[in-house]
């Protein structure tokens, strides 16, 4: 057996002993589920608020990303003006 293989095997056994303990005597009280639900709702509302705040920048980013190709292909500025009712 090479020395490198022996060190690798001992390291793998040490990691396995730390990662896979025998039994976990843990208790989740009823408040844990509501706390996790509260974190999920807060993250969702926070994300929506961030989108609201940065909506102008997000819109300009995607218009710049996709809008240039349409303008170059049409040959104009892409604005035909208001549509007149008949």
PDB file of N, CA and C in Angstrom:
ATOM      1  N   UNK A   1       0.828  -1.173   0.000  1.00  0.00           N
ATOM      2  CA  UNK A   1       0.000   0.000   0.000  1.00  0.00           C
ATOM      3  C   UNK A   1       0.880   1.248   0.000  1.00  0.00           C
ATOM      4  N   UNK A   2       0.514   2.190  -0.813  1.00  0.00           N
ATOM      5  CA  UNK A   2       1.307   3.413  -0.847  1.00  0.00           C
ATOM      6  C   UNK A   2       0.873   4.349   0.284  1.00  0.00           C
ATOM      7  N   UNK A   3       1.753   5.263   0.616  1.00  0.00           N
ATOM      8  CA  UNK A   3       1.490   6.204   1.697  1.00  0.00           C
ATOM      9  C   UNK A   3       0.345   7.150   1.315  1.00  0.00           C
ATOM     10  N   UNK A   4       0.282   7.517   0.043  1.00  0.00           N
ATOM     11  CA  UNK A   4      -0.768   8.409  -0.437  1.00  0.00           C
ATOM     12  C   UNK A   4      -2.149   7.764  -0.280  1.00  0.00           C
ATOM     13  N   UNK A   5      -2.254   6.481  -0.612  1.00  0.00           N
ATOM     14  CA  UNK A   5      -3.520   5.761  -0.494  1.00  0.00           C
ATOM     15  C   UNK A   5      -3.953   5.663   0.961  1.00  0.00           C
ATOM     16  N   UNK A   6      -3.007   5.431   1.878  1.00  0.00           N
ATOM     17  CA  UNK A   6      -3.313   5.305   3.301  1.00  0.00           C
ATOM     18  C   UNK A   6      -3.833   6.637   3.860  1.00  0.00           C
ATOM     19  N   UNK A   7      -3.201   7.742   3.493  1.00  0.00           N
ATOM     20  CA  UNK A   7      -3.652   9.059   3.957  1.00  0.00           C
ATOM     21  C   UNK A   7      -5.044   9.359   3.398  1.00  0.00           C
ATOM     22  N   UNK A   8      -5.263   9.014   2.151  1.00  0.00           N
ATOM     23  CA  UNK A   8      -6.567   9.238   1.517  1.00  0.00           C
ATOM     24  C   UNK A   8      -7.662   8.436   2.235  1.00  0.00           C
ATOM     25  N   UNK A   9      -7.385   7.188   2.568  1.00  0.00           N
ATOM     26  CA  UNK A   9      -8.362   6.324   3.229  1.00  0.00           C
ATOM     27  C   UNK A   9      -8.678   6.832   4.637  1.00  0.00           C
ATOM     28  N   UNK A  10      -7.664   7.254   5.384  1.00  0.00           N
ATOM     29  CA  UNK A  10      -7.891   7.771   6.737  1.00  0.00           C
ATOM     30  C   UNK A  10      -8.705   9.065   6.677  1.00  0.00           C
ATOM     31  N   UNK A  11      -8.402   9.933   5.745  1.00  0.00           N
ATOM     32  CA  UNK A  11      -9.159  11.168   5.576  1.00  0.00           C
ATOM     33  C   UNK A  11     -10.608  10.902   5.218  1.00  0.00           C
ATOM     34  N   UNK A  12     -10.844   9.947   4.342  1.00  0.00           N
ATOM     35  CA  UNK A  12     -12.206   9.599   3.952  1.00  0.00           C
ATOM     36  C   UNK A  12     -12.998   9.037   5.122  1.00  0.00           C
ATOM     37  N   UNK A  13     -12.348   8.207   5.949  1.00  0.00           N
ATOM     38  CA  UNK A  13     -13.031   7.663   7.120  1.00  0.00           C
ATOM     39  C   UNK A  13     -13.339   8.760   8.138  1.00  0.00           C
ATOM     40  N   UNK A  14     -12.442   9.727   8.296  1.00  0.00           N
ATOM     41  CA  UNK A  14     -12.678  10.824   9.235  1.00  0.00           C
ATOM     42  C   UNK A  14     -13.852  11.684   8.769  1.00  0.00           C
ATOM     43  N   UNK A  15     -13.901  11.983   7.483  1.00  0.00           N
ATOM     44  CA  UNK A  15     -15.014  12.762   6.945  1.00  0.00           C
ATOM     45  C   UNK A  15     -16.318  11.997   7.111  1.00  0.00           C
ATOM     46  N   UNK A  16     -16.298  10.705   6.843  1.00  0.00           N
ATOM     47  CA  UNK A  16     -17.501   9.893   6.976  1.00  0.00           C
ATOM     48  C   UNK A  16     -17.992   9.868   8.425  1.00  0.00           C
ATOM     49  N   UNK A  17     -17.077   9.809   9.381  1.00  0.00           N
ATOM     50  CA  UNK A  17     -17.458   9.786  10.794  1.00  0.00           C
ATOM     51  C   UNK A  17     -18.100  11.113  11.214  1.00  0.00           C
ATOM     52  N   UNK A  18     -17.668  12.221  10.620  1.00  0.00           N
ATOM     53  CA  UNK A  18     -18.234  13.515  10.968  1.00  0.00           C
ATOM     54  C   UNK A  18     -19.556  13.785  10.261  1.00  0.00           C
ATOM     55  N   UNK A  19     -19.692  13.294   9.030  1.00  0.00           N
ATOM     56  CA  UNK A  19     -20.874  13.601   8.220  1.00  0.00           C
ATOM     57  C   UNK A  19     -22.045  12.688   8.558  1.00  0.00           C
ATOM     58  N   UNK A  20     -21.791  11.449   8.869  1.00  0.00           N
ATOM     59  CA  UNK A  20     -22.861  10.471   9.086  1.00  0.00           C
ATOM     60  C   UNK A  20     -22.873   9.979  10.534  1.00  0.00           C
ATOM     61  N   UNK A  21     -23.399  10.798  11.466  1.00  0.00           N
ATOM     62  CA  UNK A  21     -23.475  10.321  12.849  1.00  0.00           C
ATOM     63  C   UNK A  21     -24.530   9.228  12.988  1.00  0.00           C
ATOM     64  N   UNK A  22     -24.456   8.483  14.056  1.00  0.00           N
ATOM     65  CA  UNK A  22     -25.378   7.372  14.277  1.00  0.00           C
ATOM     66  C   UNK A  22     -26.825   7.817  14.403  1.00  0.00           C
ATOM     67  N   UNK A  23     -27.171   8.405  15.524  1.00  0.00           N
ATOM     68  CA  UNK A  23     -28.540   8.865  15.760  1.00  0.00           C
ATOM     69  C   UNK A  23     -28.512  10.344  16.132  1.00  0.00           C
ATOM     70  N   UNK A  24     -29.522  11.036  15.672  1.00  0.00           N
ATOM     71  CA  UNK A  24     -29.679  12.441  16.048  1.00  0.00           C
ATOM     72  C   UNK A  24     -30.936  12.550  16.901  1.00  0.00           C
ATOM     73  N   UNK A  25     -30.767  12.893  18.139  1.00  0.00           N
ATOM     74  CA  UNK A  25     -31.897  13.063  19.039  1.00  0.00           C
ATOM     75  C   UNK A  25     -32.320  14.530  18.974  1.00  0.00           C
ATOM     76  N   UNK A  26     -33.129  14.834  17.995  1.00  0.00           N
ATOM     77  CA  UNK A  26     -33.536  16.217  17.767  1.00  0.00           C
ATOM     78  C   UNK A  26     -35.043  16.346  17.959  1.00  0.00           C
ATOM     79  N   UNK A  27     -35.456  17.574  18.240  1.00  0.00           N
ATOM     80  CA  UNK A  27     -36.874  17.838  18.453  1.00  0.00           C
ATOM     81  C   UNK A  27     -37.240  19.096  17.688  1.00  0.00           C
ATOM     82  N   UNK A  28     -38.275  19.000  16.896  1.00  0.00           N
ATOM     83  CA  UNK A  28     -38.809  20.158  16.197  1.00  0.00           C
ATOM     84  C   UNK A  28     -40.152  20.497  16.824  1.00  0.00           C
ATOM     85  N   UNK A  29     -40.223  21.650  17.461  1.00  0.00           N
ATOM     86  CA  UNK A  29     -41.483  22.033  18.080  1.00  0.00           C
ATOM     87  C   UNK A  29     -42.443  22.586  17.025  1.00  0.00           C
ATOM     88  N   UNK A  30     -43.713  22.740  17.349  1.00  0.00           N
ATOM     89  CA  UNK A  30     -44.695  23.221  16.369  1.00  0.00           C
ATOM     90  C   UNK A  30     -44.388  24.614  15.816  1.00  0.00           C
ATOM     91  N   UNK A  31     -43.663  25.431  16.572  1.00  0.00           N
ATOM     92  CA  UNK A  31     -43.329  26.770  16.102  1.00  0.00           C
ATOM     93  C   UNK A  31     -42.291  26.777  14.987  1.00  0.00           C
ATOM     94  N   UNK A  32     -41.550  25.690  14.826  1.00  0.00           N
ATOM     95  CA  UNK A  32     -40.508  25.641  13.792  1.00  0.00           C
ATOM     96  C   UNK A  32     -41.099  25.737  12.393  1.00  0.00           C
ATOM     97  N   UNK A  33     -42.209  25.054  12.172  1.00  0.00           N
ATOM     98  CA  UNK A  33     -42.841  25.105  10.850  1.00  0.00           C
ATOM     99  C   UNK A  33     -43.352  26.487  10.515  1.00  0.00           C
ATOM    100  N   UNK A  34     -43.954  27.162  11.484  1.00  0.00           N
ATOM    101  CA  UNK A  34     -44.453  28.506  11.221  1.00  0.00           C
ATOM    102  C   UNK A  34     -43.297  29.486  11.033  1.00  0.00           C
ATOM    103  N   UNK A  35     -42.184  29.260  11.725  1.00  0.00           N
ATOM    104  CA  UNK A  35     -41.012  30.110  11.542  1.00  0.00           C
ATOM    105  C   UNK A  35     -40.434  29.949  10.140  1.00  0.00           C
ATOM    106  N   UNK A  36     -40.330  28.720   9.659  1.00  0.00           N
ATOM    107  CA  UNK A  36     -39.842  28.485   8.297  1.00  0.00           C
ATOM    108  C   UNK A  36     -40.796  29.085   7.263  1.00  0.00           C
ATOM    109  N   UNK A  37     -42.098  28.987   7.521  1.00  0.00           N
ATOM    110  CA  UNK A  37     -43.090  29.599   6.627  1.00  0.00           C
ATOM    111  C   UNK A  37     -42.932  31.119   6.613  1.00  0.00           C
ATOM    112  N   UNK A  38     -42.670  31.719   7.762  1.00  0.00           N
ATOM    113  CA  UNK A  38     -42.470  33.159   7.865  1.00  0.00           C
ATOM    114  C   UNK A  38     -41.216  33.581   7.094  1.00  0.00           C
ATOM    115  N   UNK A  39     -40.153  32.806   7.165  1.00  0.00           N
ATOM    116  CA  UNK A  39     -38.928  33.108   6.416  1.00  0.00           C
ATOM    117  C   UNK A  39     -39.198  33.040   4.919  1.00  0.00           C
ATOM    118  N   UNK A  40     -39.951  32.039   4.481  1.00  0.00           N
ATOM    119  CA  UNK A  40     -40.279  31.888   3.064  1.00  0.00           C
ATOM    120  C   UNK A  40     -41.100  33.072   2.562  1.00  0.00           C
ATOM    121  N   UNK A  41     -42.111  33.474   3.307  1.00  0.00           N
ATOM    122  CA  UNK A  41     -42.953  34.610   2.920  1.00  0.00           C
ATOM    123  C   UNK A  41     -42.132  35.903   2.907  1.00  0.00           C
ATOM    124  N   UNK A  42     -41.259  36.097   3.900  1.00  0.00           N
ATOM    125  CA  UNK A  42     -40.425  37.306   3.949  1.00  0.00           C
ATOM    126  C   UNK A  42     -39.478  37.362   2.756  1.00  0.00           C
ATOM    127  N   UNK A  43     -38.907  36.235   2.363  1.00  0.00           N
ATOM    128  CA  UNK A  43     -38.016  36.213   1.201  1.00  0.00           C
ATOM    129  C   UNK A  43     -38.787  36.531  -0.072  1.00  0.00           C
ATOM    130  N   UNK A  44     -39.994  36.010  -0.205  1.00  0.00           N
ATOM    131  CA  UNK A  44     -40.818  36.274  -1.379  1.00  0.00           C
ATOM    132  C   UNK A  44     -41.203  37.752  -1.459  1.00  0.00           C
ATOM    133  N   UNK A  45     -41.662  38.325  -0.343  1.00  0.00           N
ATOM    134  CA  UNK A  45     -42.052  39.733  -0.332  1.00  0.00           C
ATOM    135  C   UNK A  45     -40.829  40.626  -0.561  1.00  0.00           C
ATOM    136  N   UNK A  46     -39.704  40.279   0.027  1.00  0.00           N
ATOM    137  CA  UNK A  46     -38.479  41.049  -0.183  1.00  0.00           C
ATOM    138  C   UNK A  46     -38.028  41.015  -1.636  1.00  0.00           C
ATOM    139  N   UNK A  47     -38.126  39.845  -2.265  1.00  0.00           N
ATOM    140  CA  UNK A  47     -37.773  39.743  -3.681  1.00  0.00           C
ATOM    141  C   UNK A  47     -38.691  40.559  -4.568  1.00  0.00           C
ATOM    142  N   UNK A  48     -39.985  40.508  -4.282  1.00  0.00           N
ATOM    143  CA  UNK A  48     -40.934  41.310  -5.062  1.00  0.00           C
ATOM    144  C   UNK A  48     -40.705  42.807  -4.870  1.00  0.00           C
ATOM    145  N   UNK A  49     -40.354  43.212  -3.650  1.00  0.00           N
ATOM    146  CA  UNK A  49     -40.066  44.616  -3.393  1.00  0.00           C
ATOM    147  C   UNK A  49     -38.815  45.065  -4.144  1.00  0.00           C
ATOM    148  N   UNK A  50     -37.797  44.201  -4.197  1.00  0.00           N
ATOM    149  CA  UNK A  50     -36.577  44.530  -4.936  1.00  0.00           C
ATOM    150  C   UNK A  50     -36.872  44.674  -6.423  1.00  0.00           C
ATOM    151  N   UNK A  51     -37.734  43.805  -6.963  1.00  0.00           N
ATOM    152  CA  UNK A  51     -38.116  43.925  -8.373  1.00  0.00           C
ATOM    153  C   UNK A  51     -38.864  45.229  -8.604  1.00  0.00           C
ATOM    154  N   UNK A  52     -39.721  45.610  -7.656  1.00  0.00           N
ATOM    155  CA  UNK A  52     -40.468  46.867  -7.791  1.00  0.00           C
ATOM    156  C   UNK A  52     -39.516  48.063  -7.802  1.00  0.00           C
ATOM    157  N   UNK A  53     -38.551  48.061  -6.911  1.00  0.00           N
ATOM    158  CA  UNK A  53     -37.610  49.171  -6.814  1.00  0.00           C
ATOM    159  C   UNK A  53     -36.737  49.266  -8.069  1.00  0.00           C
ATOM    160  N   UNK A  54     -36.252  48.141  -8.570  1.00  0.00           N
ATOM    161  CA  UNK A  54     -35.323  48.132  -9.697  1.00  0.00           C
ATOM    162  C   UNK A  54     -36.001  47.822 -11.021  1.00  0.00           C
ATOM    163  N   UNK A  55     -37.317  47.951 -11.125  1.00  0.00           N
ATOM    164  CA  UNK A  55     -38.038  47.594 -12.346  1.00  0.00           C
ATOM    165  C   UNK A  55     -37.548  48.396 -13.550  1.00  0.00           C
ATOM    166  N   UNK A  56     -37.282  49.672 -13.373  1.00  0.00           N
ATOM    167  CA  UNK A  56     -36.799  50.494 -14.487  1.00  0.00           C
ATOM    168  C   UNK A  56     -35.476  49.985 -15.032  1.00  0.00           C
ATOM    169  N   UNK A  57     -34.556  49.646 -14.153  1.00  0.00           N
ATOM    170  CA  UNK A  57     -33.262  49.120 -14.589  1.00  0.00           C
ATOM    171  C   UNK A  57     -33.402  47.762 -15.257  1.00  0.00           C
ATOM    172  N   UNK A  58     -34.267  46.914 -14.703  1.00  0.00           N
ATOM    173  CA  UNK A  58     -34.486  45.592 -15.289  1.00  0.00           C
ATOM    174  C   UNK A  58     -35.065  45.736 -16.686  1.00  0.00           C
ATOM    175  N   UNK A  59     -36.031  46.632 -16.840  1.00  0.00           N
ATOM    176  CA  UNK A  59     -36.676  46.870 -18.131  1.00  0.00           C
ATOM    177  C   UNK A  59     -35.671  47.407 -19.148  1.00  0.00           C
ATOM    178  N   UNK A  60     -34.854  48.376 -18.741  1.00  0.00           N
ATOM    179  CA  UNK A  60     -33.844  48.926 -19.648  1.00  0.00           C
ATOM    180  C   UNK A  60     -32.806  47.871 -20.038  1.00  0.00           C
ATOM    181  N   UNK A  61     -32.459  46.988 -19.107  1.00  0.00           N
ATOM    182  CA  UNK A  61     -31.502  45.932 -19.413  1.00  0.00           C
ATOM    183  C   UNK A  61     -32.026  45.021 -20.512  1.00  0.00           C
ATOM    184  N   UNK A  62     -33.278  44.575 -20.377  1.00  0.00           N
ATOM    185  CA  UNK A  62     -33.825  43.665 -21.368  1.00  0.00           C
ATOM    186  C   UNK A  62     -34.138  44.370 -22.682  1.00  0.00           C
ATOM    187  N   UNK A  63     -34.527  45.646 -22.620  1.00  0.00           N
ATOM    188  CA  UNK A  63     -34.724  46.391 -23.863  1.00  0.00           C
ATOM    189  C   UNK A  63     -33.403  46.572 -24.599  1.00  0.00           C
ATOM    190  N   UNK A  64     -32.346  46.836 -23.874  1.00  0.00           N
ATOM    191  CA  UNK A  64     -31.027  46.951 -24.487  1.00  0.00           C
ATOM    192  C   UNK A  64     -30.525  45.625 -25.015  1.00  0.00           C
ATOM    193  N   UNK A  65     -30.896  44.562 -24.352  1.00  0.00           N
ATOM    194  CA  UNK A  65     -30.442  43.233 -24.753  1.00  0.00           C
ATOM    195  C   UNK A  65     -31.167  42.747 -26.000  1.00  0.00           C
ATOM    196  N   UNK A  66     -32.474  42.959 -26.059  1.00  0.00           N
ATOM    197  CA  UNK A  66     -33.265  42.451 -27.175  1.00  0.00           C
ATOM    198  C   UNK A  66     -33.706  43.539 -28.144  1.00  0.00           C
ATOM    199  N   UNK A  67     -33.744  44.787 -27.748  1.00  0.00           N
ATOM    200  CA  UNK A  67     -34.291  45.849 -28.571  1.00  0.00           C
ATOM    201  C   UNK A  67     -33.390  46.286 -29.714  1.00  0.00           C
ATOM    202  N   UNK A  68     -32.085  46.188 -29.582  1.00  0.00           N
ATOM    203  CA  UNK A  68     -31.161  46.666 -30.606  1.00  0.00           C
ATOM    204  C   UNK A  68     -31.268  45.855 -31.887  1.00  0.00           C
ATOM    205  N   UNK A  69     -31.463  44.569 -31.754  1.00  0.00           N
ATOM    206  CA  UNK A  69     -31.535  43.715 -32.950  1.00  0.00           C
ATOM    207  C   UNK A  69     -32.743  44.072 -33.798  1.00  0.00           C
ATOM    208  N   UNK A  70     -33.874  44.371 -33.177  1.00  0.00           N
ATOM    209  CA  UNK A  70     -35.084  44.717 -33.919  1.00  0.00           C
ATOM    210  C   UNK A  70     -34.935  46.040 -34.641  1.00  0.00           C
ATOM    211  N   UNK A  71     -34.281  47.008 -34.026  1.00  0.00           N
ATOM    212  CA  UNK A  71     -34.101  48.317 -34.645  1.00  0.00           C
ATOM    213  C   UNK A  71     -33.163  48.239 -35.837  1.00  0.00           C
ATOM    214  N   UNK A  72     -32.089  47.471 -35.728  1.00  0.00           N
ATOM    215  CA  UNK A  72     -31.131  47.356 -36.818  1.00  0.00           C
ATOM    216  C   UNK A  72     -31.727  46.611 -38.000  1.00  0.00           C
ATOM    217  N   UNK A  73     -32.549  45.617 -37.746  1.00  0.00           N
ATOM    218  CA  UNK A  73     -33.122  44.823 -38.827  1.00  0.00           C
ATOM    219  C   UNK A  73     -34.174  45.611 -39.603  1.00  0.00           C
ATOM    220  N   UNK A  74     -34.917  46.495 -38.921  1.00  0.00           N
ATOM    221  CA  UNK A  74     -35.972  47.228 -39.604  1.00  0.00           C
ATOM    222  C   UNK A  74     -35.424  48.435 -40.349  1.00  0.00           C
ATOM    223  N   UNK A  75     -34.258  48.935 -39.951  1.00  0.00           N
ATOM    224  CA  UNK A  75     -33.660  50.060 -40.629  1.00  0.00           C
ATOM    225  C   UNK A  75     -34.113  51.380 -40.060  1.00  0.00           C
ATOM    226  N   UNK A  76     -35.092  51.413 -39.196  1.00  0.00           N
ATOM    227  CA  UNK A  76     -35.587  52.648 -38.589  1.00  0.00           C
ATOM    228  C   UNK A  76     -35.298  52.654 -37.113  1.00  0.00           C
ATOM    229  N   UNK A  77     -35.961  53.578 -36.437  1.00  0.00           N
ATOM    230  CA  UNK A  77     -35.781  53.637 -35.000  1.00  0.00           C
ATOM    231  C   UNK A  77     -36.773  52.749 -34.260  1.00  0.00           C
ATOM    232  N   UNK A  78     -37.634  52.082 -34.968  1.00  0.00           N
ATOM    233  CA  UNK A  78     -38.573  51.139 -34.364  1.00  0.00           C
ATOM    234  C   UNK A  78     -39.826  51.782 -33.845  1.00  0.00           C
ATOM    235  N   UNK A  79     -39.978  53.123 -33.994  1.00  0.00           N
ATOM    236  CA  UNK A  79     -41.154  53.822 -33.514  1.00  0.00           C
ATOM    237  C   UNK A  79     -41.935  54.328 -34.702  1.00  0.00           C
ATOM    238  N   UNK A  80     -43.061  53.727 -35.001  1.00  0.00           N
ATOM    239  CA  UNK A  80     -43.876  54.116 -36.150  1.00  0.00           C
ATOM    240  C   UNK A  80     -44.833  55.236 -35.794  1.00  0.00           C
ATOM    241  N   UNK A  81     -44.891  55.635 -34.535  1.00  0.00           N
ATOM    242  CA  UNK A  81     -45.801  56.687 -34.115  1.00  0.00           C
ATOM    243  C   UNK A  81     -47.126  56.111 -33.662  1.00  0.00           C
ATOM    244  N   UNK A  82     -48.023  56.982 -33.238  1.00  0.00           N
ATOM    245  CA  UNK A  82     -49.308  56.507 -32.737  1.00  0.00           C
ATOM    246  C   UNK A  82     -50.172  55.968 -33.871  1.00  0.00           C
ATOM    247  N   UNK A  83     -51.000  55.002 -33.556  1.00  0.00           N
ATOM    248  CA  UNK A  83     -51.910  54.406 -34.529  1.00  0.00           C
ATOM    249  C   UNK A  83     -53.158  55.282 -34.615  1.00  0.00           C
ATOM    250  N   UNK A  84     -53.515  55.671 -35.821  1.00  0.00           N
ATOM    251  CA  UNK A  84     -54.680  56.531 -36.037  1.00  0.00           C
ATOM    252  C   UNK A  84     -55.927  55.675 -36.218  1.00  0.00           C
ATOM    253  N   UNK A  85     -57.019  55.962 -35.503  1.00  0.00           N
ATOM    254  CA  UNK A  85     -58.259  55.200 -35.693  1.00  0.00           C
ATOM    255  C   UNK A  85     -58.874  55.504 -37.054  1.00  0.00           C
ATOM    256  N   UNK A  86     -59.535  54.528 -37.610  1.00  0.00           N
ATOM    257  CA  UNK A  86     -60.161  54.711 -38.934  1.00  0.00           C
ATOM    258  C   UNK A  86     -61.599  55.065 -38.825  1.00  0.00           C
TER     259      UNK A  86
END
